[in-house]
Amino acid sequence: MFTAYVVAAVATAAANAAAAIADFARSGWILGNMTAYGVPHSWLYPLGAAKAAGAVGLLAGLAVPPVGIAAAGCLLLYFTGATATVLRARAYSHLVFPGVFLLLAAVTLGLQLAVA
C-alpha cells in the first residue's frame, strides 16, 4: 500500500508542477480558458503558486506525513473549486482537465490516510 501511495504522490506532484509551470509561462491556451471561465488573468500567478505549493507539499509529505495530508487536502479543495468554475462557465467539454487533477488529489489523499 505504501508503494501505491508513493507512486500516487509523485504522479500528483509532477502533474501539479507541470500545471504550475504552464501557469507561470502564461500559456495561450490557459489564458483562453481563463477568459472563457470568467477568471481574471491576474489570478494566474497565485493559482500557479498554489499548485506549486501543493506539489512541494506532496513530496515533503513522503518524509513528514501530516504535510502530505495537508497538501493533498488543499489540492482536493483547489480542484473542487476549479471543477465548479468550469461547471459555472458551462464549459462541459473542459471538465476532464480539473477532473483528472481532482481524482489524482483524492487518490493521493486516500492512500496517504490509509498508510498514516
Protein backbone atom coordinates (compact mmCIF):
# COMPACT_ATOMS: atom_id res chain seq x y z
CA MET A 1 0.00 0.00 0.00
CA PHE A 2 2.88 2.35 0.77
CA THR A 3 4.29 1.88 -2.73
CA ALA A 4 0.94 2.82 -4.25
CA TYR A 5 0.88 5.96 -2.10
CA VAL A 6 4.40 6.96 -3.19
CA VAL A 7 3.52 6.45 -6.87
CA ALA A 8 0.29 8.45 -6.50
CA ALA A 9 2.01 11.25 -4.57
CA VAL A 10 4.85 11.57 -7.06
CA ALA A 11 2.47 11.46 -10.06
CA THR A 12 0.18 14.07 -8.49
CA ALA A 13 3.15 16.28 -7.60
CA ALA A 14 4.55 16.00 -11.14
CA ALA A 15 1.19 16.84 -12.72
CA ASN A 16 0.73 19.87 -10.47
CA ALA A 17 4.29 21.05 -11.03
CA ALA A 18 3.74 20.87 -14.80
CA ALA A 19 0.46 22.76 -14.45
CA ALA A 20 2.17 25.42 -12.32
CA ILE A 21 4.92 25.84 -14.91
CA ALA A 22 2.29 26.29 -17.62
CA ASP A 23 0.58 28.92 -15.45
CA PHE A 24 3.83 30.79 -14.83
CA ALA A 25 4.61 30.69 -18.57
CA ARG A 26 1.18 32.23 -19.26
CA SER A 27 0.45 29.72 -21.99
CA GLY A 28 -2.02 31.00 -24.56
CA TRP A 29 -4.46 28.12 -24.14
CA ILE A 30 -4.56 28.71 -20.39
CA LEU A 31 -5.27 32.41 -20.88
CA GLY A 32 -8.04 31.49 -23.32
CA ASN A 33 -9.57 29.05 -20.87
CA MET A 34 -9.41 31.57 -18.02
CA THR A 35 -11.20 34.10 -20.20
CA ALA A 36 -13.86 31.53 -21.09
CA TYR A 37 -14.35 30.66 -17.40
CA GLY A 38 -14.55 34.29 -16.32
CA VAL A 39 -11.37 34.12 -14.22
CA PRO A 40 -9.21 37.27 -14.27
CA HIS A 41 -5.76 36.79 -15.79
CA SER A 42 -4.28 38.46 -12.71
CA TRP A 43 -5.12 35.29 -10.77
CA LEU A 44 -2.81 33.18 -12.92
CA TYR A 45 0.33 33.53 -10.77
CA PRO A 46 -1.41 32.94 -7.42
CA LEU A 47 -3.18 29.88 -8.84
CA GLY A 48 0.12 28.59 -10.21
CA ALA A 49 1.76 29.22 -6.84
CA ALA A 50 -0.97 27.17 -5.13
CA LYS A 51 -0.35 24.25 -7.50
CA ALA A 52 3.41 24.52 -6.99
CA ALA A 53 3.00 24.62 -3.20
CA GLY A 54 0.76 21.56 -3.39
CA ALA A 55 3.38 19.70 -5.43
CA VAL A 56 6.15 20.57 -2.98
CA GLY A 57 3.91 19.65 -0.04
CA LEU A 58 3.12 16.24 -1.51
CA LEU A 59 6.81 15.49 -1.93
CA ALA A 60 7.59 16.77 1.57
CA GLY A 61 4.78 14.54 2.81
CA LEU A 62 6.78 11.48 1.87
CA ALA A 63 9.03 12.35 4.82
CA VAL A 64 6.52 14.21 7.02
CA PRO A 65 3.09 12.59 6.57
CA PRO A 66 0.98 15.44 8.07
CA VAL A 67 2.40 17.81 5.44
CA GLY A 68 1.39 15.39 2.69
CA ILE A 69 -2.11 15.05 4.12
CA ALA A 70 -2.48 18.83 4.25
CA ALA A 71 -1.13 19.27 0.72
CA ALA A 72 -3.39 16.58 -0.76
CA GLY A 73 -6.39 18.00 1.10
CA CYS A 74 -5.68 21.52 -0.14
CA LEU A 75 -5.25 20.29 -3.72
CA LEU A 76 -8.54 18.43 -3.38
CA LEU A 77 -10.24 21.68 -2.35
CA TYR A 78 -8.45 23.63 -5.08
CA PHE A 79 -9.58 21.30 -7.84
CA THR A 80 -13.09 21.08 -6.42
CA GLY A 81 -13.20 24.85 -6.91
CA ALA A 82 -11.68 24.54 -10.37
CA THR A 83 -14.31 21.98 -11.34
CA ALA A 84 -17.07 24.23 -10.01
CA THR A 85 -15.64 27.14 -12.00
CA VAL A 86 -15.68 25.12 -15.22
CA LEU A 87 -19.25 23.98 -14.48
CA ARG A 88 -20.33 27.55 -13.75
CA ALA A 89 -18.93 28.59 -17.14
CA ARG A 90 -20.83 25.68 -18.76
CA ALA A 91 -17.62 24.51 -20.43
CA TYR A 92 -18.59 20.87 -20.01
CA SER A 93 -16.08 19.61 -22.56
CA HIS A 94 -13.32 21.02 -20.34
CA LEU A 95 -14.34 19.11 -17.21
CA VAL A 96 -11.80 16.40 -17.88
CA PHE A 97 -8.91 18.76 -17.07
CA PRO A 98 -9.76 19.69 -13.47
CA GLY A 99 -11.40 16.28 -13.08
CA VAL A 100 -8.16 14.39 -13.61
CA PHE A 101 -6.32 16.61 -11.14
CA LEU A 102 -9.20 16.25 -8.66
CA LEU A 103 -9.04 12.47 -8.99
CA LEU A 104 -5.26 12.43 -8.51
CA ALA A 105 -5.56 14.54 -5.35
CA ALA A 106 -8.37 12.35 -3.98
CA VAL A 107 -6.47 9.12 -4.61
CA THR A 108 -3.31 10.55 -3.07
CA LEU A 109 -5.18 11.76 0.00
CA GLY A 110 -6.98 8.44 0.41
CA LEU A 111 -3.78 6.44 0.15
CA GLN A 112 -1.94 8.82 2.47
CA LEU A 113 -4.64 8.41 5.10
CA ALA A 114 -4.56 4.63 4.66
CA VAL A 115 -0.83 4.37 5.29
CA ALA A 116 -0.58 7.04 8.01
